Amino acid sequence: MRPKGMRAIRTTRSLNRSPRATSREQQVAELARLEHEKARLSRELDVWRQNAARTNDQLERVEVRLNELRELLRADEPVPIRPAHPRRRPAERRDDDEGEWKTVSLEY
């Protein structure tokens, strides 16, 4: 196990003073603690593997799409371009509204 920082590094003094489980209760407590730690680490490893599998799937899909795009560009065919959304036509002006102002009453 690697130390997380300078404070976690064991010196010769701390190695000599390291507590050993002397009584049966302490040994059982340490055993339980280590079993919980092992279960936690195995869950963490499972999550990591699932994330790695999902990332690999996404990477494969990106590679497939890249290859498709490269093939389209090599074929020297015009790539069909479609607009992202249809454009709206501007509203048509009516001749009878030209020059007229509409009044709005505002009360406080």
PDB file of N, CA and C in Angstrom:
ATOM      1  N   MET A   1       0.845  -1.167   0.000  1.00  0.00           N
ATOM      2  CA  MET A   1       0.000   0.000   0.000  1.00  0.00           C
ATOM      3  C   MET A   1       0.895   1.236   0.000  1.00  0.00           C
ATOM      4  N   ARG A   2       0.612   2.171  -0.935  1.00  0.00           N
ATOM      5  CA  ARG A   2       1.421   3.375  -1.052  1.00  0.00           C
ATOM      6  C   ARG A   2       0.931   4.436  -0.086  1.00  0.00           C
ATOM      7  N   PRO A   3       1.852   5.191   0.492  1.00  0.00           N
ATOM      8  CA  PRO A   3       1.422   6.280   1.384  1.00  0.00           C
ATOM      9  C   PRO A   3       0.769   7.400   0.586  1.00  0.00           C
ATOM     10  N   LYS A   4      -0.218   8.053   1.199  1.00  0.00           N
ATOM     11  CA  LYS A   4      -0.923   9.139   0.531  1.00  0.00           C
ATOM     12  C   LYS A   4      -0.160  10.449   0.625  1.00  0.00           C
ATOM     13  N   GLY A   5       0.642  10.592   1.634  1.00  0.00           N
ATOM     14  CA  GLY A   5       1.395  11.824   1.815  1.00  0.00           C
ATOM     15  C   GLY A   5       2.561  11.598   2.747  1.00  0.00           C
ATOM     16  N   MET A   6       3.245  12.677   3.087  1.00  0.00           N
ATOM     17  CA  MET A   6       4.424  12.566   3.952  1.00  0.00           C
ATOM     18  C   MET A   6       4.056  12.063   5.347  1.00  0.00           C
ATOM     19  N   ARG A   7       2.860  12.408   5.822  1.00  0.00           N
ATOM     20  CA  ARG A   7       2.467  11.975   7.169  1.00  0.00           C
ATOM     21  C   ARG A   7       2.159  10.490   7.234  1.00  0.00           C
ATOM     22  N   ALA A   8       1.898   9.878   6.089  1.00  0.00           N
ATOM     23  CA  ALA A   8       1.563   8.459   6.076  1.00  0.00           C
ATOM     24  C   ALA A   8       2.790   7.562   5.964  1.00  0.00           C
ATOM     25  N   ILE A   9       3.957   8.165   5.745  1.00  0.00           N
ATOM     26  CA  ILE A   9       5.181   7.373   5.614  1.00  0.00           C
ATOM     27  C   ILE A   9       5.599   6.876   7.004  1.00  0.00           C
ATOM     28  N   ARG A  10       5.862   5.603   7.096  1.00  0.00           N
ATOM     29  CA  ARG A  10       6.230   4.998   8.386  1.00  0.00           C
ATOM     30  C   ARG A  10       7.725   5.143   8.609  1.00  0.00           C
ATOM     31  N   THR A  11       8.101   5.561   9.806  1.00  0.00           N
ATOM     32  CA  THR A  11       9.515   5.678  10.169  1.00  0.00           C
ATOM     33  C   THR A  11       9.889   4.488  11.047  1.00  0.00           C
ATOM     34  N   THR A  12      11.155   4.370  11.386  1.00  0.00           N
ATOM     35  CA  THR A  12      11.581   3.255  12.244  1.00  0.00           C
ATOM     36  C   THR A  12      10.956   3.366  13.626  1.00  0.00           C
ATOM     37  N   ARG A  13      10.746   4.563  14.113  1.00  0.00           N
ATOM     38  CA  ARG A  13      10.099   4.726  15.413  1.00  0.00           C
ATOM     39  C   ARG A  13       8.647   4.259  15.365  1.00  0.00           C
ATOM     40  N   SER A  14       7.930   4.692  14.313  1.00  0.00           N
ATOM     41  CA  SER A  14       6.518   4.310  14.245  1.00  0.00           C
ATOM     42  C   SER A  14       6.361   2.817  13.949  1.00  0.00           C
ATOM     43  N   LEU A  15       7.341   2.234  13.255  1.00  0.00           N
ATOM     44  CA  LEU A  15       7.255   0.799  12.993  1.00  0.00           C
ATOM     45  C   LEU A  15       7.407   0.007  14.292  1.00  0.00           C
ATOM     46  N   ASN A  16       8.295   0.470  15.176  1.00  0.00           N
ATOM     47  CA  ASN A  16       8.485  -0.213  16.451  1.00  0.00           C
ATOM     48  C   ASN A  16       7.276  -0.063  17.363  1.00  0.00           C
ATOM     49  N   ARG A  17       6.558   1.053  17.221  1.00  0.00           N
ATOM     50  CA  ARG A  17       5.427   1.323  18.092  1.00  0.00           C
ATOM     51  C   ARG A  17       4.092   0.901  17.495  1.00  0.00           C
ATOM     52  N   SER A  18       4.109   0.286  16.323  1.00  0.00           N
ATOM     53  CA  SER A  18       2.838  -0.044  15.677  1.00  0.00           C
ATOM     54  C   SER A  18       2.031  -0.984  16.559  1.00  0.00           C
ATOM     55  N   PRO A  19       0.770  -0.672  16.778  1.00  0.00           N
ATOM     56  CA  PRO A  19      -0.050  -1.488  17.670  1.00  0.00           C
ATOM     57  C   PRO A  19      -0.368  -2.841  17.044  1.00  0.00           C
ATOM     58  N   ARG A  20      -0.183  -3.847  17.820  1.00  0.00           N
ATOM     59  CA  ARG A  20      -0.544  -5.192  17.389  1.00  0.00           C
ATOM     60  C   ARG A  20      -1.761  -5.614  18.189  1.00  0.00           C
ATOM     61  N   ALA A  21      -2.642  -6.315  17.527  1.00  0.00           N
ATOM     62  CA  ALA A  21      -3.822  -6.794  18.226  1.00  0.00           C
ATOM     63  C   ALA A  21      -3.389  -7.899  19.181  1.00  0.00           C
ATOM     64  N   THR A  22      -3.472  -7.608  20.470  1.00  0.00           N
ATOM     65  CA  THR A  22      -3.008  -8.592  21.449  1.00  0.00           C
ATOM     66  C   THR A  22      -4.139  -9.445  21.986  1.00  0.00           C
ATOM     67  N   SER A  23      -5.285  -8.842  22.173  1.00  0.00           N
ATOM     68  CA  SER A  23      -6.391  -9.631  22.717  1.00  0.00           C
ATOM     69  C   SER A  23      -7.241 -10.185  21.585  1.00  0.00           C
ATOM     70  N   ARG A  24      -8.029 -11.153  21.895  1.00  0.00           N
ATOM     71  CA  ARG A  24      -8.897 -11.777  20.894  1.00  0.00           C
ATOM     72  C   ARG A  24      -9.906 -10.765  20.348  1.00  0.00           C
ATOM     73  N   GLU A  25     -10.433  -9.890  21.202  1.00  0.00           N
ATOM     74  CA  GLU A  25     -11.397  -8.885  20.763  1.00  0.00           C
ATOM     75  C   GLU A  25     -10.779  -7.934  19.744  1.00  0.00           C
ATOM     76  N   GLN A  26      -9.535  -7.544  19.987  1.00  0.00           N
ATOM     77  CA  GLN A  26      -8.856  -6.658  19.048  1.00  0.00           C
ATOM     78  C   GLN A  26      -8.599  -7.350  17.717  1.00  0.00           C
ATOM     79  N   GLN A  27      -8.254  -8.628  17.768  1.00  0.00           N
ATOM     80  CA  GLN A  27      -8.014  -9.382  16.538  1.00  0.00           C
ATOM     81  C   GLN A  27      -9.300  -9.531  15.726  1.00  0.00           C
ATOM     82  N   VAL A  28     -10.407  -9.799  16.426  1.00  0.00           N
ATOM     83  CA  VAL A  28     -11.694  -9.922  15.738  1.00  0.00           C
ATOM     84  C   VAL A  28     -12.099  -8.579  15.134  1.00  0.00           C
ATOM     85  N   ALA A  29     -11.876  -7.481  15.859  1.00  0.00           N
ATOM     86  CA  ALA A  29     -12.205  -6.153  15.349  1.00  0.00           C
ATOM     87  C   ALA A  29     -11.367  -5.819  14.115  1.00  0.00           C
ATOM     88  N   GLU A  30     -10.098  -6.146  14.156  1.00  0.00           N
ATOM     89  CA  GLU A  30      -9.233  -5.892  12.999  1.00  0.00           C
ATOM     90  C   GLU A  30      -9.649  -6.749  11.814  1.00  0.00           C
ATOM     91  N   LEU A  31     -10.016  -8.002  12.073  1.00  0.00           N
ATOM     92  CA  LEU A  31     -10.481  -8.889  11.014  1.00  0.00           C
ATOM     93  C   LEU A  31     -11.738  -8.318  10.357  1.00  0.00           C
ATOM     94  N   ALA A  32     -12.686  -7.849  11.168  1.00  0.00           N
ATOM     95  CA  ALA A  32     -13.912  -7.276  10.627  1.00  0.00           C
ATOM     96  C   ALA A  32     -13.621  -6.019   9.813  1.00  0.00           C
ATOM     97  N   ARG A  33     -12.729  -5.177  10.333  1.00  0.00           N
ATOM     98  CA  ARG A  33     -12.366  -3.954   9.617  1.00  0.00           C
ATOM     99  C   ARG A  33     -11.750  -4.274   8.267  1.00  0.00           C
ATOM    100  N   LEU A  34     -10.853  -5.255   8.245  1.00  0.00           N
ATOM    101  CA  LEU A  34     -10.202  -5.629   6.985  1.00  0.00           C
ATOM    102  C   LEU A  34     -11.181  -6.263   6.008  1.00  0.00           C
ATOM    103  N   GLU A  35     -12.162  -7.034   6.498  1.00  0.00           N
ATOM    104  CA  GLU A  35     -13.172  -7.613   5.613  1.00  0.00           C
ATOM    105  C   GLU A  35     -14.031  -6.525   4.981  1.00  0.00           C
ATOM    106  N   HIS A  36     -14.387  -5.514   5.781  1.00  0.00           N
ATOM    107  CA  HIS A  36     -15.159  -4.392   5.234  1.00  0.00           C
ATOM    108  C   HIS A  36     -14.347  -3.622   4.200  1.00  0.00           C
ATOM    109  N   GLU A  37     -13.081  -3.427   4.484  1.00  0.00           N
ATOM    110  CA  GLU A  37     -12.207  -2.729   3.531  1.00  0.00           C
ATOM    111  C   GLU A  37     -12.080  -3.520   2.234  1.00  0.00           C
ATOM    112  N   LYS A  38     -11.960  -4.834   2.352  1.00  0.00           N
ATOM    113  CA  LYS A  38     -11.864  -5.683   1.160  1.00  0.00           C
ATOM    114  C   LYS A  38     -13.150  -5.598   0.339  1.00  0.00           C
ATOM    115  N   ALA A  39     -14.305  -5.622   0.990  1.00  0.00           N
ATOM    116  CA  ALA A  39     -15.589  -5.516   0.287  1.00  0.00           C
ATOM    117  C   ALA A  39     -15.711  -4.153  -0.396  1.00  0.00           C
ATOM    118  N   ARG A  40     -15.290  -3.090   0.286  1.00  0.00           N
ATOM    119  CA  ARG A  40     -15.349  -1.755  -0.297  1.00  0.00           C
ATOM    120  C   ARG A  40     -14.460  -1.656  -1.527  1.00  0.00           C
ATOM    121  N   LEU A  41     -13.262  -2.188  -1.422  1.00  0.00           N
ATOM    122  CA  LEU A  41     -12.335  -2.128  -2.550  1.00  0.00           C
ATOM    123  C   LEU A  41     -12.827  -2.958  -3.732  1.00  0.00           C
ATOM    124  N   SER A  42     -13.445  -4.097  -3.460  1.00  0.00           N
ATOM    125  CA  SER A  42     -13.967  -4.900  -4.575  1.00  0.00           C
ATOM    126  C   SER A  42     -15.135  -4.187  -5.254  1.00  0.00           C
ATOM    127  N   ARG A  43     -15.996  -3.488  -4.465  1.00  0.00           N
ATOM    128  CA  ARG A  43     -17.074  -2.703  -5.080  1.00  0.00           C
ATOM    129  C   ARG A  43     -16.498  -1.574  -5.931  1.00  0.00           C
ATOM    130  N   GLU A  44     -15.486  -0.922  -5.405  1.00  0.00           N
ATOM    131  CA  GLU A  44     -14.843   0.163  -6.150  1.00  0.00           C
ATOM    132  C   GLU A  44     -14.241  -0.362  -7.452  1.00  0.00           C
ATOM    133  N   LEU A  45     -13.630  -1.533  -7.410  1.00  0.00           N
ATOM    134  CA  LEU A  45     -13.048  -2.127  -8.603  1.00  0.00           C
ATOM    135  C   LEU A  45     -14.133  -2.478  -9.621  1.00  0.00           C
ATOM    136  N   ASP A  46     -15.280  -2.975  -9.149  1.00  0.00           N
ATOM    137  CA  ASP A  46     -16.387  -3.283 -10.056  1.00  0.00           C
ATOM    138  C   ASP A  46     -16.897  -2.027 -10.753  1.00  0.00           C
ATOM    139  N   VAL A  47     -17.037  -0.952  -9.999  1.00  0.00           N
ATOM    140  CA  VAL A  47     -17.492   0.308 -10.587  1.00  0.00           C
ATOM    141  C   VAL A  47     -16.475   0.790 -11.611  1.00  0.00           C
ATOM    142  N   TRP A  48     -15.210   0.686 -11.281  1.00  0.00           N
ATOM    143  CA  TRP A  48     -14.166   1.114 -12.212  1.00  0.00           C
ATOM    144  C   TRP A  48     -14.216   0.301 -13.499  1.00  0.00           C
ATOM    145  N   ARG A  49     -14.407  -1.000 -13.388  1.00  0.00           N
ATOM    146  CA  ARG A  49     -14.490  -1.854 -14.583  1.00  0.00           C
ATOM    147  C   ARG A  49     -15.714  -1.511 -15.431  1.00  0.00           C
ATOM    148  N   GLN A  50     -16.851  -1.221 -14.776  1.00  0.00           N
ATOM    149  CA  GLN A  50     -18.042  -0.830 -15.530  1.00  0.00           C
ATOM    150  C   GLN A  50     -17.806   0.483 -16.272  1.00  0.00           C
ATOM    151  N   ASN A  51     -17.186   1.437 -15.590  1.00  0.00           N
ATOM    152  CA  ASN A  51     -16.874   2.707 -16.243  1.00  0.00           C
ATOM    153  C   ASN A  51     -15.904   2.509 -17.398  1.00  0.00           C
ATOM    154  N   ALA A  52     -14.931   1.629 -17.215  1.00  0.00           N
ATOM    155  CA  ALA A  52     -13.959   1.364 -18.280  1.00  0.00           C
ATOM    156  C   ALA A  52     -14.656   0.710 -19.474  1.00  0.00           C
ATOM    157  N   ALA A  53     -15.590  -0.207 -19.225  1.00  0.00           N
ATOM    158  CA  ALA A  53     -16.313  -0.862 -20.314  1.00  0.00           C
ATOM    159  C   ALA A  53     -17.166   0.158 -21.074  1.00  0.00           C
ATOM    160  N   ARG A  54     -17.840   1.042 -20.342  1.00  0.00           N
ATOM    161  CA  ARG A  54     -18.673   2.060 -20.978  1.00  0.00           C
ATOM    162  C   ARG A  54     -17.815   3.012 -21.802  1.00  0.00           C
ATOM    163  N   THR A  55     -16.659   3.375 -21.270  1.00  0.00           N
ATOM    164  CA  THR A  55     -15.759   4.271 -22.000  1.00  0.00           C
ATOM    165  C   THR A  55     -15.232   3.589 -23.259  1.00  0.00           C
ATOM    166  N   ASN A  56     -14.920   2.312 -23.176  1.00  0.00           N
ATOM    167  CA  ASN A  56     -14.456   1.580 -24.359  1.00  0.00           C
ATOM    168  C   ASN A  56     -15.546   1.522 -25.426  1.00  0.00           C
ATOM    169  N   ASP A  57     -16.802   1.319 -25.020  1.00  0.00           N
ATOM    170  CA  ASP A  57     -17.907   1.309 -25.985  1.00  0.00           C
ATOM    171  C   ASP A  57     -18.032   2.657 -26.682  1.00  0.00           C
ATOM    172  N   GLN A  58     -17.949   3.733 -25.917  1.00  0.00           N
ATOM    173  CA  GLN A  58     -18.036   5.069 -26.507  1.00  0.00           C
ATOM    174  C   GLN A  58     -16.875   5.317 -27.456  1.00  0.00           C
ATOM    175  N   LEU A  59     -15.697   4.861 -27.069  1.00  0.00           N
ATOM    176  CA  LEU A  59     -14.520   5.039 -27.916  1.00  0.00           C
ATOM    177  C   LEU A  59     -14.678   4.266 -29.224  1.00  0.00           C
ATOM    178  N   GLU A  60     -15.222   3.069 -29.170  1.00  0.00           N
ATOM    179  CA  GLU A  60     -15.442   2.288 -30.384  1.00  0.00           C
ATOM    180  C   GLU A  60     -16.429   2.985 -31.308  1.00  0.00           C
ATOM    181  N   ARG A  61     -17.516   3.557 -30.739  1.00  0.00           N
ATOM    182  CA  ARG A  61     -18.493   4.269 -31.562  1.00  0.00           C
ATOM    183  C   ARG A  61     -17.869   5.485 -32.234  1.00  0.00           C
ATOM    184  N   VAL A  62     -16.996   6.181 -31.514  1.00  0.00           N
ATOM    185  CA  VAL A  62     -16.325   7.339 -32.097  1.00  0.00           C
ATOM    186  C   VAL A  62     -15.397   6.890 -33.222  1.00  0.00           C
ATOM    187  N   GLU A  63     -14.687   5.800 -33.016  1.00  0.00           N
ATOM    188  CA  GLU A  63     -13.790   5.279 -34.058  1.00  0.00           C
ATOM    189  C   GLU A  63     -14.569   4.893 -35.312  1.00  0.00           C
ATOM    190  N   VAL A  64     -15.724   4.249 -35.136  1.00  0.00           N
ATOM    191  CA  VAL A  64     -16.551   3.865 -36.282  1.00  0.00           C
ATOM    192  C   VAL A  64     -16.990   5.105 -37.048  1.00  0.00           C
ATOM    193  N   ARG A  65     -17.461   6.123 -36.325  1.00  0.00           N
ATOM    194  CA  ARG A  65     -17.920   7.352 -36.979  1.00  0.00           C
ATOM    195  C   ARG A  65     -16.768   8.063 -37.674  1.00  0.00           C
ATOM    196  N   LEU A  66     -15.587   8.078 -37.053  1.00  0.00           N
ATOM    197  CA  LEU A  66     -14.422   8.684 -37.704  1.00  0.00           C
ATOM    198  C   LEU A  66     -14.096   7.978 -39.011  1.00  0.00           C
ATOM    199  N   ASN A  67     -14.129   6.656 -39.011  1.00  0.00           N
ATOM    200  CA  ASN A  67     -13.849   5.901 -40.230  1.00  0.00           C
ATOM    201  C   ASN A  67     -14.885   6.181 -41.306  1.00  0.00           C
ATOM    202  N   GLU A  68     -16.165   6.292 -40.909  1.00  0.00           N
ATOM    203  CA  GLU A  68     -17.210   6.611 -41.885  1.00  0.00           C
ATOM    204  C   GLU A  68     -16.962   7.977 -42.520  1.00  0.00           C
ATOM    205  N   LEU A  69     -16.613   8.950 -41.693  1.00  0.00           N
ATOM    206  CA  LEU A  69     -16.358  10.289 -42.215  1.00  0.00           C
ATOM    207  C   LEU A  69     -15.131  10.315 -43.114  1.00  0.00           C
ATOM    208  N   ARG A  70     -14.103   9.572 -42.746  1.00  0.00           N
ATOM    209  CA  ARG A  70     -12.907   9.514 -43.602  1.00  0.00           C
ATOM    210  C   ARG A  70     -13.225   8.897 -44.955  1.00  0.00           C
ATOM    211  N   GLU A  71     -14.050   7.857 -44.969  1.00  0.00           N
ATOM    212  CA  GLU A  71     -14.449   7.230 -46.226  1.00  0.00           C
ATOM    213  C   GLU A  71     -15.257   8.196 -47.087  1.00  0.00           C
ATOM    214  N   LEU A  72     -16.150   8.959 -46.479  1.00  0.00           N
ATOM    215  CA  LEU A  72     -16.920   9.941 -47.244  1.00  0.00           C
ATOM    216  C   LEU A  72     -16.010  10.996 -47.849  1.00  0.00           C
ATOM    217  N   LEU A  73     -15.010  11.429 -47.083  1.00  0.00           N
ATOM    218  CA  LEU A  73     -14.112  12.455 -47.597  1.00  0.00           C
ATOM    219  C   LEU A  73     -13.180  11.913 -48.674  1.00  0.00           C
ATOM    220  N   ARG A  74     -12.827  10.646 -48.602  1.00  0.00           N
ATOM    221  CA  ARG A  74     -11.966  10.036 -49.628  1.00  0.00           C
ATOM    222  C   ARG A  74     -12.712   9.822 -50.928  1.00  0.00           C
ATOM    223  N   ALA A  75     -13.995   9.612 -50.870  1.00  0.00           N
ATOM    224  CA  ALA A  75     -14.777   9.296 -52.064  1.00  0.00           C
ATOM    225  C   ALA A  75     -14.953  10.506 -52.963  1.00  0.00           C
ATOM    226  N   ASP A  76     -14.551  11.679 -52.528  1.00  0.00           N
ATOM    227  CA  ASP A  76     -14.696  12.924 -53.286  1.00  0.00           C
ATOM    228  C   ASP A  76     -16.132  13.185 -53.695  1.00  0.00           C
ATOM    229  N   GLU A  77     -17.044  12.639 -52.973  1.00  0.00           N
ATOM    230  CA  GLU A  77     -18.454  12.907 -53.229  1.00  0.00           C
ATOM    231  C   GLU A  77     -18.857  14.101 -52.376  1.00  0.00           C
ATOM    232  N   PRO A  78     -19.744  14.895 -52.901  1.00  0.00           N
ATOM    233  CA  PRO A  78     -20.197  16.003 -52.063  1.00  0.00           C
ATOM    234  C   PRO A  78     -20.982  15.474 -50.870  1.00  0.00           C
ATOM    235  N   VAL A  79     -20.631  15.958 -49.739  1.00  0.00           N
ATOM    236  CA  VAL A  79     -21.303  15.538 -48.512  1.00  0.00           C
ATOM    237  C   VAL A  79     -22.624  16.295 -48.417  1.00  0.00           C
ATOM    238  N   PRO A  80     -23.734  15.574 -48.280  1.00  0.00           N
ATOM    239  CA  PRO A  80     -25.009  16.295 -48.188  1.00  0.00           C
ATOM    240  C   PRO A  80     -25.077  17.117 -46.903  1.00  0.00           C
ATOM    241  N   ILE A  81     -25.383  18.383 -47.084  1.00  0.00           N
ATOM    242  CA  ILE A  81     -25.473  19.278 -45.937  1.00  0.00           C
ATOM    243  C   ILE A  81     -26.923  19.658 -45.763  1.00  0.00           C
ATOM    244  N   ARG A  82     -27.436  19.432 -44.612  1.00  0.00           N
ATOM    245  CA  ARG A  82     -28.816  19.819 -44.339  1.00  0.00           C
ATOM    246  C   ARG A  82     -28.799  20.855 -43.229  1.00  0.00           C
ATOM    247  N   PRO A  83     -29.713  21.776 -43.294  1.00  0.00           N
ATOM    248  CA  PRO A  83     -29.721  22.798 -42.251  1.00  0.00           C
ATOM    249  C   PRO A  83     -30.114  22.193 -40.910  1.00  0.00           C
ATOM    250  N   ALA A  84     -29.612  22.792 -39.846  1.00  0.00           N
ATOM    251  CA  ALA A  84     -29.907  22.291 -38.514  1.00  0.00           C
ATOM    252  C   ALA A  84     -31.377  22.460 -38.190  1.00  0.00           C
ATOM    253  N   HIS A  85     -31.976  23.535 -38.657  1.00  0.00           N
ATOM    254  CA  HIS A  85     -33.399  23.781 -38.453  1.00  0.00           C
ATOM    255  C   HIS A  85     -33.898  24.660 -39.603  1.00  0.00           C
ATOM    256  N   PRO A  86     -35.134  24.495 -39.991  1.00  0.00           N
ATOM    257  CA  PRO A  86     -35.634  25.318 -41.099  1.00  0.00           C
ATOM    258  C   PRO A  86     -35.725  26.785 -40.676  1.00  0.00           C
ATOM    259  N   ARG A  87     -35.421  27.641 -41.604  1.00  0.00           N
ATOM    260  CA  ARG A  87     -35.477  29.068 -41.306  1.00  0.00           C
ATOM    261  C   ARG A  87     -36.908  29.564 -41.424  1.00  0.00           C
ATOM    262  N   ARG A  88     -37.231  30.493 -40.574  1.00  0.00           N
ATOM    263  CA  ARG A  88     -38.553  31.097 -40.634  1.00  0.00           C
ATOM    264  C   ARG A  88     -38.536  32.250 -41.629  1.00  0.00           C
ATOM    265  N   ARG A  89     -39.616  32.356 -42.343  1.00  0.00           N
ATOM    266  CA  ARG A  89     -39.743  33.491 -43.236  1.00  0.00           C
ATOM    267  C   ARG A  89     -40.174  34.705 -42.420  1.00  0.00           C
ATOM    268  N   PRO A  90     -39.671  35.852 -42.754  1.00  0.00           N
ATOM    269  CA  PRO A  90     -40.094  37.039 -42.007  1.00  0.00           C
ATOM    270  C   PRO A  90     -41.578  37.312 -42.250  1.00  0.00           C
ATOM    271  N   ALA A  91     -42.202  37.879 -41.265  1.00  0.00           N
ATOM    272  CA  ALA A  91     -43.624  38.185 -41.384  1.00  0.00           C
ATOM    273  C   ALA A  91     -43.831  39.220 -42.489  1.00  0.00           C
ATOM    274  N   GLU A  92     -44.840  38.995 -43.282  1.00  0.00           N
ATOM    275  CA  GLU A  92     -45.114  39.918 -44.389  1.00  0.00           C
ATOM    276  C   GLU A  92     -45.815  41.156 -43.849  1.00  0.00           C
ATOM    277  N   ARG A  93     -45.448  42.276 -44.375  1.00  0.00           N
ATOM    278  CA  ARG A  93     -46.072  43.532 -43.963  1.00  0.00           C
ATOM    279  C   ARG A  93     -47.329  43.744 -44.785  1.00  0.00           C
ATOM    280  N   ARG A  94     -48.321  44.232 -44.116  1.00  0.00           N
ATOM    281  CA  ARG A  94     -49.557  44.576 -44.819  1.00  0.00           C
ATOM    282  C   ARG A  94     -49.520  46.066 -45.152  1.00  0.00           C
ATOM    283  N   ASP A  95     -49.990  46.372 -46.297  1.00  0.00           N
ATOM    284  CA  ASP A  95     -49.948  47.770 -46.744  1.00  0.00           C
ATOM    285  C   ASP A  95     -50.859  48.665 -45.919  1.00  0.00           C
ATOM    286  N   ASP A  96     -51.957  48.131 -45.386  1.00  0.00           N
ATOM    287  CA  ASP A  96     -52.890  48.976 -44.657  1.00  0.00           C
ATOM    288  C   ASP A  96     -52.362  49.367 -43.276  1.00  0.00           C
ATOM    289  N   ASP A  97     -51.357  48.682 -42.726  1.00  0.00           N
ATOM    290  CA  ASP A  97     -50.797  49.014 -41.415  1.00  0.00           C
ATOM    291  C   ASP A  97     -49.712  50.081 -41.500  1.00  0.00           C
ATOM    292  N   GLU A  98     -49.274  50.379 -42.666  1.00  0.00           N
ATOM    293  CA  GLU A  98     -48.138  51.282 -42.822  1.00  0.00           C
ATOM    294  C   GLU A  98     -48.499  52.693 -42.383  1.00  0.00           C
ATOM    295  N   GLY A  99     -47.712  53.241 -41.501  1.00  0.00           N
ATOM    296  CA  GLY A  99     -47.916  54.596 -41.053  1.00  0.00           C
ATOM    297  C   GLY A  99     -48.909  54.732 -39.914  1.00  0.00           C
ATOM    298  N   GLU A 100     -49.523  53.704 -39.467  1.00  0.00           N
ATOM    299  CA  GLU A 100     -50.495  53.807 -38.392  1.00  0.00           C
ATOM    300  C   GLU A 100     -49.862  53.406 -37.073  1.00  0.00           C
ATOM    301  N   TRP A 101     -50.236  54.134 -36.041  1.00  0.00           N
ATOM    302  CA  TRP A 101     -49.759  53.822 -34.708  1.00  0.00           C
ATOM    303  C   TRP A 101     -50.914  53.293 -33.894  1.00  0.00           C
ATOM    304  N   LYS A 102     -50.640  52.322 -33.066  1.00  0.00           N
ATOM    305  CA  LYS A 102     -51.678  51.776 -32.192  1.00  0.00           C
ATOM    306  C   LYS A 102     -51.447  52.344 -30.815  1.00  0.00           C
ATOM    307  N   THR A 103     -52.509  52.744 -30.155  1.00  0.00           N
ATOM    308  CA  THR A 103     -52.395  53.298 -28.817  1.00  0.00           C
ATOM    309  C   THR A 103     -52.710  52.252 -27.789  1.00  0.00           C
ATOM    310  N   VAL A 104     -51.984  52.336 -26.703  1.00  0.00           N
ATOM    311  CA  VAL A 104     -52.179  51.399 -25.594  1.00  0.00           C
ATOM    312  C   VAL A 104     -52.335  52.230 -24.333  1.00  0.00           C
ATOM    313  N   SER A 105     -53.373  51.956 -23.565  1.00  0.00           N
ATOM    314  CA  SER A 105     -53.540  52.706 -22.312  1.00  0.00           C
ATOM    315  C   SER A 105     -52.815  51.982 -21.200  1.00  0.00           C
ATOM    316  N   LEU A 106     -52.177  52.753 -20.345  1.00  0.00           N
ATOM    317  CA  LEU A 106     -51.404  52.198 -19.243  1.00  0.00           C
ATOM    318  C   LEU A 106     -51.830  52.904 -17.980  1.00  0.00           C
ATOM    319  N   GLU A 107     -52.238  52.144 -16.980  1.00  0.00           N
ATOM    320  CA  GLU A 107     -52.680  52.717 -15.713  1.00  0.00           C
ATOM    321  C   GLU A 107     -51.723  52.275 -14.612  1.00  0.00           C
ATOM    322  N   TYR A 108     -51.436  53.211 -13.699  1.00  0.00           N
ATOM    323  CA  TYR A 108     -50.572  52.905 -12.563  1.00  0.00           C
ATOM    324  C   TYR A 108     -51.384  52.679 -11.327  1.00  0.00           C
TER     325      TYR A 108
END
